[in-house]
C-alpha cells in the first residue's frame, strides 16, 4: 500500500512538473508572437502616417491651384509617389503657362 501511495505521489509530481514546463513554453511562445505583432503594428502605423502626409500635401496643392482637394487627397493617399510626380508635372505646366507671354492679336 505504501508503494502504491509513493507511486501516486511521484506520478503527480512528475506530471505537475511537465505541465509547468509546457505552460512556461506556451507563455514564451505567446510573448514572442505578441512582440512580433507589436512590431508589425508599428510598421503599418508608420506607413499609414507617410501615406496620409502624401495625401495632405496633394490636397494642399490642389486647394492652392483651384483643383478638387478631396480628389487629390485620395489620389495621393492611394498612389502616393506616382501622384506626387504627376502633381509636380502639373505644377510645372502651370508655372510655364503663367510665365509665357499672352498671344498677340492681329
N, C-alpha and C. Protein backbone atom coordinates (compact mmCIF):
# COMPACT_ATOMS: atom_id res chain seq x y z
N UNK A 1 0.81 -1.18 0.00
CA UNK A 1 0.00 0.00 0.00
C UNK A 1 0.86 1.26 0.00
N UNK A 2 1.97 1.21 0.78
CA UNK A 2 2.87 2.35 0.83
C UNK A 2 3.49 2.58 -0.54
N UNK A 3 3.83 1.51 -1.23
CA UNK A 3 4.43 1.64 -2.55
C UNK A 3 3.45 2.28 -3.53
N UNK A 4 2.19 1.92 -3.41
CA UNK A 4 1.16 2.47 -4.28
C UNK A 4 1.00 3.97 -4.02
N UNK A 5 0.98 4.39 -2.78
CA UNK A 5 0.88 5.81 -2.43
C UNK A 5 2.11 6.57 -2.91
N UNK A 6 3.29 5.96 -2.71
CA UNK A 6 4.52 6.59 -3.17
C UNK A 6 4.49 6.77 -4.68
N UNK A 7 4.07 5.75 -5.39
CA UNK A 7 3.99 5.80 -6.85
C UNK A 7 2.99 6.87 -7.30
N UNK A 8 1.86 7.00 -6.64
CA UNK A 8 0.85 8.00 -6.99
C UNK A 8 1.38 9.41 -6.77
N UNK A 9 2.07 9.63 -5.65
CA UNK A 9 2.64 10.94 -5.35
C UNK A 9 3.73 11.27 -6.37
N UNK A 10 4.56 10.31 -6.70
CA UNK A 10 5.62 10.51 -7.69
C UNK A 10 5.02 10.86 -9.05
N UNK A 11 3.97 10.18 -9.46
CA UNK A 11 3.32 10.46 -10.74
C UNK A 11 2.73 11.86 -10.76
N UNK A 12 2.14 12.29 -9.66
CA UNK A 12 1.58 13.64 -9.58
C UNK A 12 2.67 14.71 -9.68
N UNK A 13 3.79 14.51 -9.02
CA UNK A 13 4.89 15.47 -9.06
C UNK A 13 5.47 15.56 -10.47
N UNK A 14 5.68 14.42 -11.11
CA UNK A 14 6.23 14.41 -12.47
C UNK A 14 5.27 15.08 -13.44
N UNK A 15 3.98 14.77 -13.34
CA UNK A 15 3.01 15.37 -14.26
C UNK A 15 2.87 16.87 -14.00
N UNK A 16 2.92 17.31 -12.75
CA UNK A 16 2.84 18.73 -12.43
C UNK A 16 4.05 19.47 -13.00
N UNK A 17 5.24 18.86 -12.93
CA UNK A 17 6.44 19.47 -13.49
C UNK A 17 6.32 19.58 -15.00
N UNK A 18 5.82 18.54 -15.65
CA UNK A 18 5.65 18.55 -17.11
C UNK A 18 4.64 19.62 -17.51
N UNK A 19 3.56 19.75 -16.77
CA UNK A 19 2.55 20.77 -17.07
C UNK A 19 3.14 22.16 -16.90
N UNK A 20 3.93 22.37 -15.86
CA UNK A 20 4.55 23.67 -15.61
C UNK A 20 5.51 24.02 -16.74
N UNK A 21 6.29 23.04 -17.21
CA UNK A 21 7.21 23.29 -18.32
C UNK A 21 6.43 23.61 -19.59
N UNK A 22 5.35 22.88 -19.84
CA UNK A 22 4.54 23.12 -21.02
C UNK A 22 3.91 24.51 -20.96
N UNK A 23 3.43 24.91 -19.79
CA UNK A 23 2.83 26.23 -19.63
C UNK A 23 3.87 27.33 -19.85
N UNK A 24 5.07 27.15 -19.33
CA UNK A 24 6.11 28.17 -19.49
C UNK A 24 6.52 28.27 -20.96
N UNK A 25 6.54 27.14 -21.67
CA UNK A 25 6.85 27.17 -23.09
C UNK A 25 5.76 27.91 -23.86
N UNK A 26 4.51 27.66 -23.51
CA UNK A 26 3.39 28.32 -24.18
C UNK A 26 3.42 29.82 -23.91
N UNK A 27 3.74 30.20 -22.67
CA UNK A 27 3.82 31.62 -22.34
C UNK A 27 4.94 32.28 -23.14
N UNK A 28 6.08 31.60 -23.24
CA UNK A 28 7.20 32.14 -24.01
C UNK A 28 6.83 32.30 -25.48
N UNK A 29 6.12 31.32 -26.04
CA UNK A 29 5.69 31.42 -27.43
C UNK A 29 4.71 32.58 -27.62
N UNK A 30 3.77 32.73 -26.70
CA UNK A 30 2.81 33.82 -26.79
C UNK A 30 3.49 35.18 -26.69
N UNK A 31 4.48 35.29 -25.78
CA UNK A 31 5.20 36.56 -25.66
C UNK A 31 5.94 36.88 -26.95
N UNK A 32 6.52 35.88 -27.59
CA UNK A 32 7.20 36.09 -28.86
C UNK A 32 6.23 36.55 -29.95
N UNK A 33 5.06 35.92 -30.00
CA UNK A 33 4.08 36.29 -31.01
C UNK A 33 3.55 37.70 -30.77
N UNK A 34 3.33 38.06 -29.51
CA UNK A 34 2.83 39.40 -29.20
C UNK A 34 3.87 40.45 -29.59
N UNK A 35 5.13 40.22 -29.30
CA UNK A 35 6.16 41.20 -29.65
C UNK A 35 6.29 41.32 -31.17
N UNK A 36 6.12 40.22 -31.90
CA UNK A 36 6.15 40.28 -33.36
C UNK A 36 4.98 41.12 -33.89
N UNK A 37 3.80 40.91 -33.33
CA UNK A 37 2.63 41.69 -33.75
C UNK A 37 2.79 43.17 -33.42
N UNK A 38 3.37 43.48 -32.29
CA UNK A 38 3.60 44.88 -31.93
C UNK A 38 4.52 45.55 -32.94
N UNK A 39 5.56 44.83 -33.37
CA UNK A 39 6.47 45.37 -34.38
C UNK A 39 5.77 45.62 -35.70
N UNK A 40 4.91 44.68 -36.10
CA UNK A 40 4.17 44.84 -37.36
C UNK A 40 3.21 46.02 -37.29
N UNK A 41 2.55 46.18 -36.15
CA UNK A 41 1.62 47.31 -35.98
C UNK A 41 2.37 48.63 -36.08
N UNK A 42 3.55 48.70 -35.52
CA UNK A 42 4.36 49.92 -35.59
C UNK A 42 4.73 50.24 -37.03
N UNK A 43 5.11 49.21 -37.80
CA UNK A 43 5.46 49.42 -39.21
C UNK A 43 4.26 49.91 -40.01
N UNK A 44 3.10 49.30 -39.80
CA UNK A 44 1.90 49.69 -40.52
C UNK A 44 1.50 51.11 -40.14
N UNK A 45 1.63 51.45 -38.88
CA UNK A 45 1.31 52.80 -38.44
C UNK A 45 2.21 53.84 -39.07
N UNK A 46 3.50 53.56 -39.17
CA UNK A 46 4.44 54.48 -39.80
C UNK A 46 4.12 54.66 -41.28
N UNK A 47 3.82 53.56 -41.96
CA UNK A 47 3.48 53.63 -43.38
C UNK A 47 2.18 54.40 -43.59
N UNK A 48 1.21 54.17 -42.73
CA UNK A 48 -0.05 54.89 -42.83
C UNK A 48 0.12 56.38 -42.64
N UNK A 49 0.97 56.77 -41.72
CA UNK A 49 1.24 58.19 -41.49
C UNK A 49 1.90 58.82 -42.72
N UNK A 50 2.85 58.10 -43.32
CA UNK A 50 3.52 58.62 -44.52
C UNK A 50 2.52 58.79 -45.67
N UNK A 51 1.63 57.81 -45.85
CA UNK A 51 0.63 57.92 -46.91
C UNK A 51 -0.32 59.08 -46.65
N UNK A 52 -0.70 59.27 -45.39
CA UNK A 52 -1.56 60.40 -45.06
C UNK A 52 -0.87 61.72 -45.40
N UNK A 53 0.43 61.82 -45.14
CA UNK A 53 1.16 63.04 -45.48
C UNK A 53 1.18 63.28 -46.99
N UNK A 54 1.37 62.21 -47.78
CA UNK A 54 1.32 62.35 -49.23
C UNK A 54 -0.04 62.92 -49.64
N UNK A 55 -1.11 62.36 -49.09
CA UNK A 55 -2.45 62.84 -49.42
C UNK A 55 -2.65 64.29 -49.00
N UNK A 56 -2.17 64.66 -47.82
CA UNK A 56 -2.34 66.03 -47.33
C UNK A 56 -1.59 67.03 -48.19
N UNK A 57 -0.38 66.70 -48.61
CA UNK A 57 0.40 67.60 -49.47
C UNK A 57 -0.30 67.78 -50.81
N UNK A 58 -0.80 66.68 -51.37
CA UNK A 58 -1.52 66.77 -52.65
C UNK A 58 -2.78 67.60 -52.51
N UNK A 59 -3.51 67.43 -51.41
CA UNK A 59 -4.74 68.20 -51.20
C UNK A 59 -4.43 69.69 -51.03
N UNK A 60 -3.36 70.01 -50.32
CA UNK A 60 -2.97 71.41 -50.13
C UNK A 60 -2.63 72.05 -51.47
N UNK A 61 -1.86 71.34 -52.27
CA UNK A 61 -1.51 71.86 -53.60
C UNK A 61 -2.77 72.07 -54.43
N UNK A 62 -3.68 71.10 -54.40
CA UNK A 62 -4.91 71.20 -55.19
C UNK A 62 -5.74 72.40 -54.73
N UNK A 63 -5.82 72.61 -53.45
CA UNK A 63 -6.57 73.75 -52.92
C UNK A 63 -5.97 75.07 -53.40
N UNK A 64 -4.66 75.15 -53.40
CA UNK A 64 -3.98 76.38 -53.80
C UNK A 64 -4.07 76.64 -55.29
N UNK A 65 -4.35 75.63 -56.09
CA UNK A 65 -4.42 75.82 -57.55
C UNK A 65 -5.84 75.72 -58.08
N UNK A 66 -6.83 75.66 -57.18
CA UNK A 66 -8.22 75.65 -57.61
C UNK A 66 -8.72 74.30 -58.09
N UNK A 67 -8.05 73.25 -57.72
CA UNK A 67 -8.48 71.90 -58.11
C UNK A 67 -9.19 71.24 -56.92
N UNK A 68 -9.75 70.07 -57.17
CA UNK A 68 -10.50 69.35 -56.13
C UNK A 68 -9.54 68.79 -55.08
N UNK A 69 -9.62 69.32 -53.86
CA UNK A 69 -8.73 68.89 -52.79
C UNK A 69 -9.00 67.45 -52.39
N UNK A 70 -10.27 67.04 -52.31
CA UNK A 70 -10.61 65.67 -51.91
C UNK A 70 -10.11 64.66 -52.94
N UNK A 71 -10.28 64.97 -54.21
CA UNK A 71 -9.81 64.05 -55.25
C UNK A 71 -8.30 63.85 -55.14
N UNK A 72 -7.57 64.95 -55.01
CA UNK A 72 -6.12 64.84 -54.95
C UNK A 72 -5.65 64.25 -53.63
N UNK A 73 -6.41 64.45 -52.56
CA UNK A 73 -6.05 63.81 -51.29
C UNK A 73 -6.10 62.29 -51.44
N UNK A 74 -7.21 61.77 -52.00
CA UNK A 74 -7.33 60.32 -52.14
C UNK A 74 -6.38 59.77 -53.18
N UNK A 75 -6.13 60.52 -54.26
CA UNK A 75 -5.11 60.07 -55.22
C UNK A 75 -3.74 59.98 -54.54
N UNK A 76 -3.40 60.99 -53.74
CA UNK A 76 -2.13 60.98 -53.02
C UNK A 76 -2.06 59.88 -51.98
N UNK A 77 -3.20 59.57 -51.37
CA UNK A 77 -3.25 58.52 -50.36
C UNK A 77 -3.03 57.15 -50.98
N UNK A 78 -3.67 56.89 -52.11
CA UNK A 78 -3.61 55.55 -52.72
C UNK A 78 -2.44 55.36 -53.68
N UNK A 79 -2.03 56.42 -54.38
CA UNK A 79 -0.98 56.27 -55.39
C UNK A 79 0.22 57.14 -55.07
N UNK A 80 0.52 57.33 -53.85
CA UNK A 80 1.47 58.27 -53.27
C UNK A 80 2.53 58.83 -54.22
N UNK A 81 3.54 58.09 -54.55
CA UNK A 81 4.69 58.63 -55.29
C UNK A 81 4.28 59.00 -56.71
N UNK A 82 3.47 58.18 -57.35
CA UNK A 82 3.03 58.48 -58.72
C UNK A 82 2.24 59.78 -58.73
N UNK A 83 1.36 59.97 -57.76
CA UNK A 83 0.55 61.19 -57.69
C UNK A 83 1.43 62.41 -57.47
N UNK A 84 2.43 62.30 -56.63
CA UNK A 84 3.32 63.44 -56.39
C UNK A 84 4.08 63.78 -57.66
N UNK A 85 4.50 62.79 -58.44
CA UNK A 85 5.19 63.07 -59.71
C UNK A 85 4.26 63.75 -60.70
N UNK A 86 3.01 63.30 -60.79
CA UNK A 86 2.02 63.95 -61.65
C UNK A 86 1.78 65.37 -61.17
N UNK A 87 1.68 65.55 -59.87
CA UNK A 87 1.48 66.86 -59.27
C UNK A 87 2.62 67.81 -59.65
N UNK A 88 3.85 67.34 -59.57
CA UNK A 88 5.00 68.18 -59.93
C UNK A 88 4.96 68.55 -61.41
N UNK A 89 4.57 67.62 -62.25
CA UNK A 89 4.46 67.91 -63.69
C UNK A 89 3.37 68.96 -63.95
N UNK A 90 2.20 68.80 -63.32
CA UNK A 90 1.13 69.78 -63.49
C UNK A 90 1.54 71.15 -62.96
N UNK A 91 2.23 71.17 -61.85
CA UNK A 91 2.69 72.43 -61.29
C UNK A 91 3.67 73.11 -62.24
N UNK A 92 4.55 72.35 -62.85
CA UNK A 92 5.49 72.90 -63.82
C UNK A 92 4.75 73.49 -65.02
N UNK A 93 3.73 72.77 -65.50
CA UNK A 93 2.93 73.28 -66.62
C UNK A 93 2.22 74.57 -66.24
N UNK A 94 1.68 74.63 -65.02
CA UNK A 94 1.01 75.85 -64.56
C UNK A 94 1.97 77.04 -64.51
N UNK A 95 3.17 76.82 -64.03
CA UNK A 95 4.17 77.88 -63.94
C UNK A 95 4.57 78.34 -65.33
N UNK A 96 4.78 77.39 -66.26
CA UNK A 96 5.13 77.76 -67.64
C UNK A 96 4.01 78.58 -68.27
N UNK A 97 2.77 78.20 -68.03
CA UNK A 97 1.64 78.90 -68.61
C UNK A 97 1.55 80.33 -68.06
N UNK A 98 1.83 80.50 -66.77
CA UNK A 98 1.77 81.84 -66.17
C UNK A 98 2.90 82.73 -66.66
N UNK A 99 4.07 82.16 -66.92
CA UNK A 99 5.24 82.95 -67.31
C UNK A 99 5.31 83.21 -68.81
N UNK A 100 4.55 82.52 -69.61
CA UNK A 100 4.60 82.74 -71.05
C UNK A 100 3.83 84.02 -71.40
N UNK A 101 4.29 84.74 -72.38
CA UNK A 101 3.58 85.98 -72.76
C UNK A 101 2.26 85.64 -73.44
N UNK A 102 1.27 86.51 -73.30
CA UNK A 102 -0.01 86.24 -73.94
C UNK A 102 0.12 86.30 -75.46
N UNK A 103 -0.71 85.56 -76.18
CA UNK A 103 -0.60 85.58 -77.65
C UNK A 103 -1.00 86.97 -78.19
N UNK A 104 -0.34 87.35 -79.27
CA UNK A 104 -0.62 88.63 -79.90
C UNK A 104 -1.84 88.52 -80.79
N UNK A 105 -2.71 89.49 -80.69
CA UNK A 105 -3.89 89.53 -81.55
C UNK A 105 -3.60 90.45 -82.71
N UNK A 106 -3.92 90.02 -83.90
CA UNK A 106 -3.66 90.85 -85.09
C UNK A 106 -4.90 91.48 -85.61
